């Protein structure tokens, strides 16, 4: 699936980007109000390659939203206490109330991505996780929740360019860690894990959307458009 993604897609111009982005932000605010009025929760899951632009997409997604109605959850490695619980527990605690939006910057899919590739759990556990995740998401979508899942895809060459850019910019160096370089060295293993994740957890209720993110402007606008179209379809 990933090899068929057209990474050449981009906005026609900077002006077109600005105008389209603003329009999507207005539409998102309107939909946020409708979700609140109809007491429906929305869960947005963002996964992708390191330096693929999730942070920038989140910034543009939330810029026009009512801050009282959404929360962003940046997901890091589990704490010592969380390791003593079922891996989904820490995510259940972050499921939004009806009428609210939760944005996950990385998510429970770490079980079948980083934990799989880095061998932080055994194969029996991560293979079982596909079914567990599908069951959890089915429970939520059978209730009053909309789940939108986004994978930000860039080429290995573009990732290296962005890594080098961060490395040379004092204001961006904090974004680049030894873990990023280590993950990059396992690109093929991660690619296989991503392919399996999309194939086994993309359902009619909560399908995966692959966003070509070589152009940051295109990825940001596409993010908003996918969210708008998905929420409108679910509310109709």
Protein backbone atom coordinates (compact mmCIF):
# COMPACT_ATOMS: atom_id res chain seq x y z
CA UNK A 1 0.00 0.00 0.00
CA UNK A 2 2.67 2.51 0.98
CA UNK A 3 4.64 2.11 -2.24
CA UNK A 4 1.58 3.19 -4.23
CA UNK A 5 1.18 6.51 -2.39
CA UNK A 6 1.76 9.50 -4.68
CA UNK A 7 4.27 11.61 -2.76
CA UNK A 8 4.43 14.27 -5.49
CA UNK A 9 1.06 15.73 -4.52
CA UNK A 10 1.18 19.36 -3.42
CA UNK A 11 -0.88 22.55 -3.32
CA UNK A 12 -1.05 24.67 -6.46
CA UNK A 13 0.37 27.73 -4.70
CA UNK A 14 1.03 29.21 -1.28
CA UNK A 15 -2.01 31.45 -1.70
CA UNK A 16 -4.19 28.45 -2.49
CA UNK A 17 -2.84 26.73 0.61
CA UNK A 18 -3.66 29.67 2.87
CA UNK A 19 -7.17 30.13 1.48
CA UNK A 20 -8.05 26.44 1.57
CA UNK A 21 -6.60 25.99 5.05
CA UNK A 22 -8.64 28.90 6.44
CA UNK A 23 -11.83 27.56 4.88
CA UNK A 24 -11.27 24.11 6.38
CA UNK A 25 -10.63 25.66 9.79
CA UNK A 26 -13.98 27.46 9.62
CA UNK A 27 -15.72 24.23 8.66
CA UNK A 28 -14.00 22.35 11.49
CA UNK A 29 -15.25 24.87 14.04
CA UNK A 30 -18.80 24.47 12.73
CA UNK A 31 -18.53 20.68 12.96
CA UNK A 32 -17.08 20.91 16.46
CA UNK A 33 -20.20 22.80 17.53
CA UNK A 34 -22.42 20.21 15.86
CA UNK A 35 -20.62 17.37 17.64
CA UNK A 36 -21.22 19.17 20.93
CA UNK A 37 -24.89 19.75 20.20
CA UNK A 38 -25.43 16.12 19.20
CA UNK A 39 -23.34 14.79 22.11
CA UNK A 40 -21.01 12.80 19.88
CA UNK A 41 -17.33 12.25 20.62
CA UNK A 42 -14.58 12.35 18.02
CA UNK A 43 -11.24 10.54 18.31
CA UNK A 44 -8.49 11.49 15.86
CA UNK A 45 -5.51 9.13 15.74
CA UNK A 46 -2.31 10.42 14.14
CA UNK A 47 0.53 8.06 13.33
CA UNK A 48 3.39 8.39 10.87
CA UNK A 49 7.09 8.36 10.21
CA UNK A 50 9.32 10.45 12.45
CA UNK A 51 9.46 14.03 11.05
CA UNK A 52 6.43 13.39 8.84
CA UNK A 53 4.71 16.57 10.07
CA UNK A 54 2.11 15.41 12.61
CA UNK A 55 2.88 18.31 14.93
CA UNK A 56 2.40 20.90 12.22
CA UNK A 57 -0.83 19.25 11.11
CA UNK A 58 -2.17 19.28 14.67
CA UNK A 59 -1.30 22.97 15.03
CA UNK A 60 -3.27 23.86 11.89
CA UNK A 61 -6.12 21.50 12.76
CA UNK A 62 -6.71 23.04 16.17
CA UNK A 63 -5.98 26.68 15.34
CA UNK A 64 -9.63 27.64 14.85
CA UNK A 65 -11.26 25.22 17.28
CA UNK A 66 -12.88 26.13 20.59
CA UNK A 67 -10.16 25.15 23.10
CA UNK A 68 -12.80 24.06 25.60
CA UNK A 69 -13.92 21.25 23.31
CA UNK A 70 -10.75 19.42 22.40
CA UNK A 71 -7.61 17.97 23.93
CA UNK A 72 -4.33 16.84 22.37
CA UNK A 73 -2.65 13.77 23.86
CA UNK A 74 1.05 13.40 22.97
CA UNK A 75 1.81 9.76 23.68
CA UNK A 76 5.22 8.74 24.99
CA UNK A 77 6.53 5.46 26.36
CA UNK A 78 4.42 4.02 29.20
CA UNK A 79 5.45 4.83 32.76
CA UNK A 80 6.47 2.18 35.27
CA UNK A 81 2.97 2.21 36.74
CA UNK A 82 1.34 1.93 33.32
CA UNK A 83 3.49 -1.08 32.50
CA UNK A 84 1.72 -2.88 35.35
CA UNK A 85 -1.65 -2.48 33.60
CA UNK A 86 -3.15 -3.71 30.34
CA UNK A 87 -1.59 -1.55 27.60
CA UNK A 88 -4.97 -0.11 26.57
CA UNK A 89 -5.80 1.22 30.04
CA UNK A 90 -3.85 4.46 29.67
CA UNK A 91 -5.72 5.20 26.44
CA UNK A 92 -9.17 4.45 27.81
CA UNK A 93 -8.57 7.17 30.40
CA UNK A 94 -8.12 9.67 27.58
CA UNK A 95 -11.29 8.83 25.61
CA UNK A 96 -13.18 12.16 25.36
CA UNK A 97 -16.57 12.89 26.83
CA UNK A 98 -19.55 12.99 24.49
CA UNK A 99 -19.42 16.24 22.53
CA UNK A 100 -15.64 16.58 22.77
CA UNK A 101 -12.66 15.83 20.52
CA UNK A 102 -9.48 13.97 21.45
CA UNK A 103 -6.42 14.11 19.21
CA UNK A 104 -3.82 11.40 19.77
CA UNK A 105 -0.29 12.23 18.65
CA UNK A 106 0.69 8.54 18.48
CA UNK A 107 -1.60 6.04 20.10
CA UNK A 108 -2.43 2.46 21.05
CA UNK A 109 -1.01 1.47 17.68
CA UNK A 110 2.41 1.66 19.26
CA UNK A 111 1.71 -1.92 20.33
CA UNK A 112 1.94 -3.15 16.73
CA UNK A 113 4.56 -0.64 15.61
CA UNK A 114 7.37 0.36 17.96
CA UNK A 115 6.72 -2.41 20.50
CA UNK A 116 6.74 -4.96 17.71
CA UNK A 117 9.84 -3.70 15.90
CA UNK A 118 11.87 -2.93 19.01
CA UNK A 119 10.79 -6.24 20.59
CA UNK A 120 9.38 -4.53 23.66
CA UNK A 121 6.68 -7.20 23.80
CA UNK A 122 6.65 -10.74 22.49
CA UNK A 123 5.07 -11.73 19.18
CA UNK A 124 2.07 -13.38 20.85
CA UNK A 125 1.13 -10.07 22.47
CA UNK A 126 1.44 -7.81 19.44
CA UNK A 127 -0.25 -10.29 17.13
CA UNK A 128 -3.20 -10.50 19.55
CA UNK A 129 -3.34 -6.69 19.70
CA UNK A 130 -4.89 -6.36 16.22
CA UNK A 131 -8.07 -8.05 17.44
CA UNK A 132 -8.04 -6.19 20.76
CA UNK A 133 -7.71 -2.83 19.03
CA UNK A 134 -10.44 -3.63 16.54
CA UNK A 135 -12.75 -4.67 19.37
CA UNK A 136 -12.05 -1.48 21.32
CA UNK A 137 -12.70 0.71 18.31
CA UNK A 138 -15.85 -1.22 17.46
CA UNK A 139 -17.16 -0.64 20.98
CA UNK A 140 -16.61 3.09 20.60
CA UNK A 141 -18.05 3.42 17.08
CA UNK A 142 -21.09 1.36 18.12
CA UNK A 143 -21.66 4.03 20.73
CA UNK A 144 -21.51 7.78 20.02
CA UNK A 145 -17.95 8.07 18.77
CA UNK A 146 -16.33 8.84 15.43
CA UNK A 147 -12.79 7.50 14.97
CA UNK A 148 -10.55 9.01 12.30
CA UNK A 149 -7.15 7.37 11.73
CA UNK A 150 -4.38 9.11 9.79
CA UNK A 151 -0.98 7.79 8.68
CA UNK A 152 1.52 10.44 7.53
CA UNK A 153 3.72 9.00 4.82
CA UNK A 154 7.03 10.40 3.54
CA UNK A 155 9.97 8.88 1.71
CA UNK A 156 13.12 7.76 3.45
CA UNK A 157 15.02 10.45 1.53
CA UNK A 158 12.67 13.23 2.68
CA UNK A 159 12.95 12.04 6.27
CA UNK A 160 16.74 12.29 6.08
CA UNK A 161 16.48 15.81 4.67
CA UNK A 162 14.22 16.86 7.56
CA UNK A 163 16.48 15.19 10.11
CA UNK A 164 19.46 17.15 8.74
CA UNK A 165 17.42 20.36 8.80
CA UNK A 166 16.53 19.81 12.44
CA UNK A 167 20.11 18.91 13.27
CA UNK A 168 21.35 22.24 11.89
CA UNK A 169 18.65 24.44 13.47
CA UNK A 170 19.17 25.31 17.18
CA UNK A 171 15.43 25.90 17.54
CA UNK A 172 14.57 22.46 16.15
CA UNK A 173 17.37 20.30 17.55
CA UNK A 174 15.19 19.22 20.46
CA UNK A 175 12.91 17.44 17.98
CA UNK A 176 15.69 15.06 16.90
CA UNK A 177 16.74 12.26 19.23
CA UNK A 178 18.95 9.19 19.15
CA UNK A 179 15.74 7.16 19.07
CA UNK A 180 14.77 8.84 15.78
CA UNK A 181 18.03 7.74 14.17
CA UNK A 182 17.64 4.23 15.58
CA UNK A 183 14.11 3.98 14.21
CA UNK A 184 15.34 5.15 10.82
CA UNK A 185 17.90 2.34 10.72
CA UNK A 186 14.96 -0.10 10.94
CA UNK A 187 12.92 1.51 8.15
CA UNK A 188 12.11 -1.77 6.40
CA UNK A 189 10.92 -3.44 9.62
CA UNK A 190 8.71 -0.46 10.41
CA UNK A 191 7.37 -0.39 6.87
CA UNK A 192 6.32 -4.03 7.19
CA UNK A 193 4.67 -3.30 10.54
CA UNK A 194 2.78 -0.32 9.07
CA UNK A 195 1.53 -2.40 6.15
CA UNK A 196 0.26 -5.08 8.56
CA UNK A 197 -1.35 -2.47 10.81
CA UNK A 198 -3.28 -0.86 7.95
CA UNK A 199 -4.35 -4.19 6.48
CA UNK A 200 -5.53 -5.67 9.78
CA UNK A 201 -7.09 -2.66 11.52
CA UNK A 202 -8.71 -0.69 8.69
CA UNK A 203 -12.41 -1.43 9.08
CA UNK A 204 -15.62 -0.03 7.64
CA UNK A 205 -16.22 1.79 10.93
CA UNK A 206 -12.68 3.18 11.34
CA UNK A 207 -10.55 2.96 8.24
CA UNK A 208 -7.00 4.21 7.82
CA UNK A 209 -6.34 7.30 5.71
CA UNK A 210 -2.83 7.50 4.25
CA UNK A 211 -1.73 11.12 3.82
CA UNK A 212 1.06 11.93 1.34
CA UNK A 213 3.17 14.22 3.53
CA UNK A 214 6.18 15.06 1.37
CA UNK A 215 4.60 18.50 1.01
CA UNK A 216 3.73 19.84 4.45
CA UNK A 217 1.17 22.26 3.05
CA UNK A 218 -0.62 19.48 1.19
CA UNK A 219 -0.59 17.22 4.27
CA UNK A 220 -2.07 19.91 6.53
CA UNK A 221 -4.92 20.76 4.18
CA UNK A 222 -5.60 17.08 3.44
CA UNK A 223 -5.71 16.33 7.17
CA UNK A 224 -8.46 18.89 7.70
CA UNK A 225 -10.38 17.81 4.61
CA UNK A 226 -10.38 14.13 5.60
CA UNK A 227 -11.59 14.99 9.09
CA UNK A 228 -14.32 17.24 7.70
CA UNK A 229 -15.52 14.68 5.17
CA UNK A 230 -15.49 11.83 7.70
CA UNK A 231 -17.42 13.73 10.36
CA UNK A 232 -19.98 14.97 7.82
CA UNK A 233 -20.51 11.43 6.55
CA UNK A 234 -20.96 10.06 10.06
CA UNK A 235 -23.37 12.82 11.07
CA UNK A 236 -25.54 12.49 7.96
